Protein backbone atom coordinates (compact mmCIF):
# COMPACT_ATOMS: atom_id res chain seq x y z
CA MET A 1 0.00 0.00 0.00
CA PHE A 2 2.74 2.46 0.95
CA ARG A 3 6.32 2.64 2.12
CA CYS A 4 7.75 5.73 3.81
CA GLU A 5 10.25 7.05 6.32
CA THR A 6 7.65 8.29 8.82
CA ALA A 7 4.03 7.19 9.22
CA ILE A 8 1.88 9.74 11.08
CA LEU A 9 -1.21 8.04 12.44
CA GLY A 10 -3.94 10.65 12.58
CA GLY A 11 -4.81 13.81 10.68
CA GLY A 12 -5.85 15.92 13.65
CA ALA A 13 -4.14 18.86 15.35
CA SER A 14 -0.96 17.09 16.47
CA GLY A 15 -0.50 15.04 13.31
CA LEU A 16 -1.05 18.03 11.01
CA MET A 17 1.33 20.26 12.97
CA LEU A 18 3.97 17.54 12.93
CA ALA A 19 3.70 17.12 9.16
CA SER A 20 3.82 20.89 8.64
CA LEU A 21 7.00 21.19 10.68
CA LEU A 22 8.68 18.24 8.99
CA GLY A 23 8.39 20.01 5.68
CA PRO A 24 7.82 18.90 2.08
CA ARG A 25 11.14 17.07 1.63
CA HIS A 26 10.53 14.61 4.43
CA ASP A 27 9.22 11.22 3.33
CA TYR A 28 6.07 10.83 5.41
CA ARG A 29 2.44 9.79 5.08
CA ILE A 30 -0.52 10.87 7.18
CA LEU A 31 -3.10 8.13 7.72
CA GLU A 32 -6.54 9.52 8.55
CA GLY A 33 -9.75 7.55 8.97
CA ASN A 34 -12.04 10.43 7.96
CA ALA A 35 -12.51 11.63 4.42
CA THR A 36 -11.05 15.02 5.39
CA ILE A 37 -8.36 16.22 7.78
CA GLY A 38 -8.87 18.33 10.92
CA ALA A 39 -12.44 17.27 11.71
CA LYS A 40 -12.14 18.14 15.39
CA ILE A 41 -10.38 21.43 14.63
CA ALA A 42 -13.30 22.42 12.40
CA VAL A 43 -15.93 22.16 15.17
CA SER A 44 -13.86 23.49 18.08
CA GLY A 45 -14.47 26.83 19.71
CA GLY A 46 -17.88 27.20 18.11
CA GLY A 47 -16.25 26.81 14.70
CA ARG A 48 -13.52 29.37 15.40
CA CYS A 49 -10.96 27.06 17.04
CA ASN A 50 -9.52 28.30 20.33
CA LEU A 51 -5.85 27.75 19.55
CA THR A 52 -4.26 28.54 22.89
CA ASN A 53 -4.60 30.47 26.13
CA ARG A 54 -2.79 33.53 27.40
CA ARG A 55 -2.50 31.89 30.83
CA LEU A 56 -0.58 28.79 29.76
CA ASP A 57 0.31 26.87 32.91
CA PRO A 58 1.10 23.15 33.41
CA ARG A 59 -1.06 23.24 36.54
CA ARG A 60 -4.10 23.60 34.31
CA TYR A 61 -3.42 20.13 32.94
CA ARG A 62 -4.15 16.73 34.39
CA GLY A 63 -0.94 14.77 33.97
CA ASP A 64 2.70 14.75 35.03
CA GLU A 65 3.46 18.44 35.61
CA ARG A 66 7.20 18.02 35.13
CA PHE A 67 6.70 16.19 31.83
CA ILE A 68 4.33 18.88 30.56
CA SER A 69 6.67 21.68 31.70
CA ARG A 70 9.55 20.20 29.70
CA ILE A 71 7.53 20.47 26.48
CA PHE A 72 6.23 23.98 27.15
CA ALA A 73 9.69 25.21 28.12
CA ARG A 74 10.61 24.75 24.45
CA TYR A 75 7.34 25.38 22.63
CA ASP A 76 4.88 27.61 24.46
CA ASN A 77 1.98 29.89 23.50
CA ARG A 78 4.33 32.65 22.30
CA TRP A 79 5.97 30.21 19.89
CA LEU A 80 2.57 29.07 18.66
CA LEU A 81 1.22 32.57 18.09
CA ASP A 82 4.42 33.52 16.28
CA TRP A 83 4.27 30.41 14.09
CA PHE A 84 0.70 31.04 13.02
CA GLY A 85 1.54 34.70 12.49
CA ARG A 86 4.25 33.69 10.03
CA GLN A 87 1.65 31.63 8.17
CA GLY A 88 -0.53 34.72 7.79
CA LEU A 89 -2.94 33.99 10.64
CA GLU A 90 -3.23 36.48 13.51
CA PRO A 91 -5.30 34.88 16.30
CA VAL A 92 -7.56 37.25 18.22
CA LEU A 93 -7.98 37.39 22.00
CA ARG A 94 -11.51 36.68 23.18
CA LYS A 95 -13.04 35.86 26.57
CA ARG A 96 -10.07 37.69 28.16
CA TRP A 97 -7.61 34.81 27.86
CA GLN A 98 -8.39 32.64 24.84
CA TYR A 99 -6.94 33.01 21.35
CA PHE A 100 -9.29 32.17 18.48
CA CYS A 101 -9.12 32.27 14.71
CA PRO A 102 -10.35 35.66 13.48
CA HIS A 103 -13.11 34.18 11.32
CA SER A 104 -13.20 30.39 11.13
CA ALA A 105 -11.36 27.24 12.14
CA GLN A 106 -11.00 26.61 8.42
CA GLU A 107 -8.21 29.22 8.49
CA VAL A 108 -6.08 26.81 10.52
CA ILE A 109 -7.02 23.83 8.38
CA GLY A 110 -6.18 25.89 5.30
CA ILE A 111 -2.67 26.55 6.60
CA PHE A 112 -2.08 22.85 7.09
CA ARG A 113 -3.45 22.06 3.63
CA ARG A 114 -1.03 24.53 2.05
CA ARG A 115 1.92 23.02 3.89
CA ILE A 116 1.06 19.36 3.31
CA SER A 117 1.10 17.81 -0.14
CA PRO A 118 -2.12 15.92 -1.00
CA SER A 119 0.07 13.04 -2.19
CA LYS A 120 1.17 12.50 1.42
CA LEU A 121 -2.38 12.25 2.74
CA LEU A 122 -4.06 8.87 2.95
CA VAL A 123 -7.61 9.78 3.98
CA SER A 124 -10.52 7.35 4.51
CA THR A 125 -7.89 4.93 5.77
CA ARG A 126 -8.71 3.33 9.10
CA ILE A 127 -5.77 2.06 11.10
CA GLU A 128 -6.16 -1.46 12.47
CA GLY A 129 -2.80 -2.11 14.12
CA VAL A 130 0.96 -1.62 14.15
CA GLU A 131 3.58 -4.34 14.44
CA PRO A 132 7.39 -4.27 14.57
CA ALA A 133 8.94 -5.39 11.27
CA ASP A 134 12.45 -5.61 9.88
CA GLY A 135 13.87 -2.10 9.84
CA GLY A 136 10.71 -0.48 11.20
CA PHE A 137 7.00 -1.12 11.47
CA ARG A 138 4.14 -2.70 9.57
CA ILE A 139 0.93 -0.66 9.65
CA ARG A 140 -2.30 -2.54 8.98
CA THR A 141 -5.29 -0.58 7.65
CA ASP A 142 -8.67 -1.36 6.14
CA ARG A 143 -7.14 -0.55 2.75
CA GLY A 144 -4.06 -2.71 2.99
CA THR A 145 -0.69 -2.79 4.73
CA GLY A 146 2.17 -0.29 4.62
CA THR A 147 5.62 -0.04 6.15
CA ALA A 148 7.58 2.79 7.75
CA ARG A 149 10.91 3.19 9.50
CA ARG A 150 9.23 5.16 12.29
CA VAL A 151 5.67 5.62 13.51
CA VAL A 152 4.14 8.64 15.25
CA VAL A 153 0.88 7.90 17.05
CA ALA A 154 -1.23 11.06 16.78
CA THR A 155 -4.62 9.38 16.85
CA GLY A 156 -6.15 11.57 19.58
CA GLY A 157 -8.54 10.35 22.23
CA MET A 158 -12.05 8.92 22.25
CA SER A 159 -14.12 12.11 22.44
CA TYR A 160 -16.31 13.02 19.46
CA PRO A 161 -16.83 9.44 18.18
CA ARG A 162 -19.14 10.86 15.50
CA LEU A 163 -16.01 12.50 14.04
CA GLY A 164 -14.21 9.19 13.84
CA ALA A 165 -12.48 9.16 17.23
CA SER A 166 -11.58 5.72 18.56
CA GLY A 167 -9.23 4.03 20.98
CA ILE A 168 -6.90 2.65 18.30
CA GLY A 169 -3.92 4.66 19.54
CA LEU A 170 -4.30 3.17 23.00
CA LYS A 171 -4.54 -0.34 21.55
CA ILE A 172 -1.36 0.26 19.53
CA ALA A 173 0.43 1.51 22.65
CA GLU A 174 -0.57 -1.52 24.72
CA ALA A 175 0.34 -3.94 21.92
CA LEU A 176 3.82 -2.40 21.81
CA GLY A 177 4.37 -2.59 25.57
CA HIS A 178 3.11 0.77 26.82
CA PRO A 179 0.81 0.91 29.86
CA VAL A 180 -2.31 3.06 29.52
CA VAL A 181 -3.71 5.15 32.36
CA PRO A 182 -7.47 4.40 32.64
CA THR A 183 -9.44 6.75 30.42
CA ALA A 184 -12.70 8.66 30.91
CA PRO A 185 -14.64 11.45 29.22
CA ALA A 186 -13.33 14.91 30.18
CA LEU A 187 -14.50 18.47 29.61
CA VAL A 188 -18.02 17.10 29.64
CA GLY A 189 -21.33 17.75 31.35
CA LEU A 190 -22.32 15.89 34.51
CA THR A 191 -25.55 13.98 35.03
CA LEU A 192 -27.67 14.07 38.17
CA GLN A 193 -29.02 11.84 40.86
CA LYS A 194 -32.62 12.08 42.02
CA GLY A 195 -32.00 14.77 44.65
CA GLU A 196 -30.97 17.26 41.96
CA PHE A 197 -33.47 16.34 39.26
CA PHE A 198 -35.08 19.77 39.77
CA PHE A 199 -32.01 21.24 38.03
CA LYS A 200 -33.44 19.91 34.75
CA SER A 201 -36.40 22.28 35.03
CA LEU A 202 -33.89 25.15 34.76
CA SER A 203 -32.52 24.00 31.38
CA GLY A 204 -31.02 26.89 29.42
CA ILE A 205 -30.21 29.06 32.45
CA ALA A 206 -26.54 29.94 33.07
CA VAL A 207 -25.22 31.28 36.38
CA PRO A 208 -21.75 32.21 37.66
CA VAL A 209 -20.54 29.70 40.26
CA ARG A 210 -17.53 28.55 42.21
CA ILE A 211 -17.02 24.76 42.22
CA ALA A 212 -14.71 23.17 44.77
CA LEU A 213 -13.37 19.63 44.35
CA ALA A 214 -10.08 17.74 44.50
CA GLU A 215 -8.41 20.67 46.28
CA ARG A 216 -9.29 22.90 43.35
CA ALA A 217 -11.61 25.88 42.99
CA ILE A 218 -13.10 26.61 39.59
CA GLU A 219 -14.88 29.91 38.94
CA SER A 220 -16.91 30.33 35.76
CA ASP A 221 -20.44 29.77 34.47
CA LEU A 222 -22.61 26.72 35.11
CA LEU A 223 -25.30 25.90 32.56
CA PHE A 224 -28.38 23.93 33.55
CA ALA A 225 -29.18 21.39 30.82
CA HIS A 226 -31.82 18.77 30.01
CA ARG A 227 -29.48 15.93 30.97
CA GLY A 228 -27.74 17.62 33.93
CA ILE A 229 -25.28 20.47 34.28
CA SER A 230 -22.74 21.82 31.84
CA GLY A 231 -21.01 25.12 31.04
CA PRO A 232 -17.32 26.06 31.41
CA ALA A 233 -17.18 25.58 35.19
CA VAL A 234 -18.65 22.07 34.99
CA LEU A 235 -16.50 21.05 32.00
CA ASP A 236 -13.36 21.99 33.90
CA ALA A 237 -14.66 20.28 37.04
CA SER A 238 -15.21 17.06 35.08
CA LEU A 239 -11.49 16.91 34.36
CA TRP A 240 -10.73 16.51 38.07
CA TRP A 241 -13.89 14.79 39.35
CA GLU A 242 -13.37 11.20 40.54
CA ARG A 243 -16.87 10.33 41.76
CA GLY A 244 -18.26 11.56 45.03
CA GLU A 245 -19.32 15.03 46.09
CA ILE A 246 -18.65 18.41 44.57
CA ALA A 247 -19.43 21.70 46.36
CA VAL A 248 -21.00 24.53 44.37
CA ASP A 249 -21.27 28.14 45.53
CA PHE A 250 -24.23 29.45 43.55
CA LEU A 251 -23.78 32.93 45.05
CA PRO A 252 -20.06 33.72 44.69
CA GLY A 253 -19.18 37.06 46.24
CA PHE A 254 -22.67 37.52 47.74
CA ALA A 255 -23.22 37.92 51.49
CA LEU A 256 -26.41 36.21 52.63
CA GLU A 257 -26.68 38.56 55.61
CA SER A 258 -27.55 41.38 53.23
CA LEU A 259 -30.88 39.69 52.60
CA THR A 260 -32.05 40.56 56.10
CA ARG A 261 -31.94 44.26 55.20
CA SER A 262 -34.10 43.90 52.10
CA PRO A 263 -37.86 44.56 52.11
CA ARG A 264 -38.24 42.67 48.82
CA GLN A 265 -39.19 39.02 48.36
CA LEU A 266 -36.14 36.71 48.44
CA THR A 267 -36.34 35.91 44.72
CA SER A 268 -35.53 39.56 43.98
CA PRO A 269 -32.34 40.31 46.00
CA LEU A 270 -30.87 36.83 45.42
CA PRO A 271 -28.38 37.21 42.52
CA LEU A 272 -29.95 34.38 40.52
CA PRO A 273 -32.43 34.39 37.64
CA ARG A 274 -35.88 34.48 39.20
CA ARG A 275 -36.85 31.01 37.97
CA ALA A 276 -33.66 29.55 39.43
CA ALA A 277 -34.10 31.40 42.71
CA LYS A 278 -37.65 30.07 43.06
CA ALA A 279 -36.56 26.49 42.29
CA PHE A 280 -33.79 26.59 44.89
CA LEU A 281 -36.08 28.10 47.55
CA ASP A 282 -38.57 25.30 46.93
CA ALA A 283 -35.81 22.66 47.13
CA LEU A 284 -34.52 24.14 50.39
CA GLY A 285 -37.99 24.39 51.92
CA VAL A 286 -37.85 28.20 52.17
CA ARG A 287 -40.90 30.37 51.55
CA ASP A 288 -40.44 33.37 49.24
CA MET A 289 -40.76 36.00 51.97
CA ALA A 290 -39.43 39.51 52.47
CA GLY A 291 -35.71 39.29 53.17
CA ARG A 292 -35.97 41.23 56.44
CA ARG A 293 -38.32 38.56 57.79
CA CYS A 294 -35.64 35.84 57.52
CA ASP A 295 -34.89 34.25 60.87
CA ALA A 296 -31.78 32.27 61.86
CA GLU A 297 -33.27 28.97 60.69
CA THR A 298 -34.12 30.41 57.25
CA LEU A 299 -30.61 31.84 56.83
CA LYS A 300 -29.15 28.49 57.82
CA ARG A 301 -31.11 26.80 55.04
CA LEU A 302 -30.08 29.47 52.55
CA GLU A 303 -26.44 28.91 53.45
CA ARG A 304 -26.61 25.76 51.38
CA LEU A 305 -26.65 28.00 48.29
CA LYS A 306 -23.09 28.97 49.24
CA ASP A 307 -22.01 25.37 49.74
CA TYR A 308 -24.38 23.16 47.79
CA ARG A 309 -22.94 19.65 48.04
CA PHE A 310 -24.07 16.76 45.90
CA ALA A 311 -22.65 13.77 44.07
CA PRO A 312 -23.22 13.77 40.30
CA ALA A 313 -24.45 10.47 38.86
CA GLY A 314 -21.82 10.43 36.11
CA THR A 315 -20.81 12.20 32.92
CA MET A 316 -22.65 12.75 29.65
CA GLY A 317 -20.17 10.43 27.94
CA TYR A 318 -17.69 10.59 25.09
CA SER A 319 -20.36 11.70 22.62
CA ARG A 320 -20.61 15.02 24.49
CA ALA A 321 -17.02 15.25 25.76
CA GLU A 322 -14.51 17.72 24.37
CA ALA A 323 -11.55 15.58 25.45
CA MET A 324 -10.40 12.32 27.02
CA ARG A 325 -8.46 12.09 30.24
CA GLY A 326 -5.98 9.31 30.85
CA GLY A 327 -4.10 7.72 27.98
CA VAL A 328 -0.61 6.46 27.23
CA ALA A 329 1.47 6.73 30.42
CA THR A 330 4.07 9.49 30.03
CA ASP A 331 6.72 7.83 32.19
CA GLY A 332 7.46 5.65 29.16
CA ILE A 333 7.96 8.67 26.87
CA ASP A 334 11.06 10.87 26.53
CA PRO A 335 9.83 14.49 26.91
CA ASP A 336 12.80 15.77 24.90
CA THR A 337 11.80 13.79 21.80
CA MET A 338 8.31 12.28 22.41
CA GLN A 339 9.90 8.93 21.56
CA SER A 340 9.01 5.74 23.38
CA ARG A 341 11.52 4.60 25.97
CA LYS A 342 10.41 1.03 25.28
CA CYS A 343 10.23 0.86 21.48
CA PRO A 344 12.77 2.81 19.37
CA GLU A 345 11.36 4.93 16.53
CA LEU A 346 7.87 4.88 18.04
CA TYR A 347 6.56 8.34 19.06
CA PHE A 348 3.39 9.62 20.73
CA VAL A 349 1.96 13.16 20.49
CA GLY A 350 -1.23 14.97 21.44
CA GLU A 351 -4.32 13.73 23.24
CA VAL A 352 -3.44 10.02 23.05
CA LEU A 353 -1.03 10.72 25.92
CA ASP A 354 -2.05 11.01 29.57
CA VAL A 355 -2.16 14.82 29.40
CA THR A 356 -5.45 16.73 29.35
CA GLY A 357 -5.96 20.46 29.80
CA GLU A 358 -8.88 22.53 30.97
CA VAL A 359 -11.27 24.40 28.67
CA GLY A 360 -9.86 27.32 26.71
CA GLY A 361 -7.33 26.27 24.09
CA TYR A 362 -5.08 24.27 26.42
CA ASN A 363 -5.49 20.99 24.56
CA PHE A 364 -4.72 22.43 21.15
CA GLN A 365 -1.61 24.04 22.64
CA TRP A 366 -0.57 20.63 23.99
CA ALA A 367 -1.19 18.98 20.61
CA PHE A 368 0.85 21.59 18.74
CA SER A 369 3.69 21.79 21.29
CA SER A 370 4.17 18.03 21.62
CA ALA A 371 4.18 17.77 17.82
CA ALA A 372 6.87 20.46 17.60
CA VAL A 373 9.13 18.59 20.04
CA CYS A 374 8.63 15.41 18.02
CA ALA A 375 9.34 17.15 14.70
CA GLU A 376 12.58 18.63 16.04
CA ALA A 377 13.73 15.21 17.23
CA ILE A 378 12.92 13.52 13.91
CA GLU A 379 14.63 16.20 11.85
CA SER A 380 17.78 16.32 14.00
């Protein structure tokens, strides 16, 4: 089917950046199961692709902080913005910290298309396995078998299965001797147990919250949804949640004592949409009375709004997840090259690794940075 120097498994963010940095003279092939490249790039950031974040910090990633720091020490957000700038793309800052494409995610895909020869793209080619062979590797696909001296696994995770995501990269890693950290949907909404079913009646309402879990505090918006809760605060919380309780402050920065000075009904001075305020009062067994009529017992019940503890039932699954947590264990990967410590000429980049960032461009930055480290190692 094909024979090349480097086989790049996956035509997503990390695989496309790697190919772009290797350049046109390098003998490589990109194997992509979809009919087109960059499917996940195209839908990210509401179709505008949030490329990176101004506040790049390894602590915003779930994974080995020292491993992540080694990669970002060489290729950080400034490098990425400069690289795209040299390709004619000037990302714009939105939502205070996030860099997006000015118009469409297709601008990023277009850059990769210009830098990658169509003859090096094998699309609609599903990877089935990789095996060591004389002088390299044998790559089995649904369209035949190819060989390569080196293989770069850039297959991504298992989120967005409708876009062709699968666990093939993890299966390849395990078959070649790499342990895999247990995986789960991440950056995903959380479902509810019976005690919080009333949240579903608030579907479509977003409120600012502070969520505390796993020794972390996440401040952003929570969105009530038909299936549970979502929004930026919940998506970030899902990255760190391990089952059990979370604590939500639905009134961040608000002092409950101020209610006792208000002549208005509680649903008015409470900094919540009226429908949400009424639902919470009902759930807490509090009558919608004038604030100044609140007694000590009423205030005690209302305090739960500042520390509302409950255990989600689970997540909304990979079909709704923006990322996967877990993946190929990084202690078997050299952070200076992205090469396997167990299998020479085998490399791993991007989301297939046990590195997952919070919402806001962190995962694209990881994909691009890990690909840059790999490209430098291959070209050296």
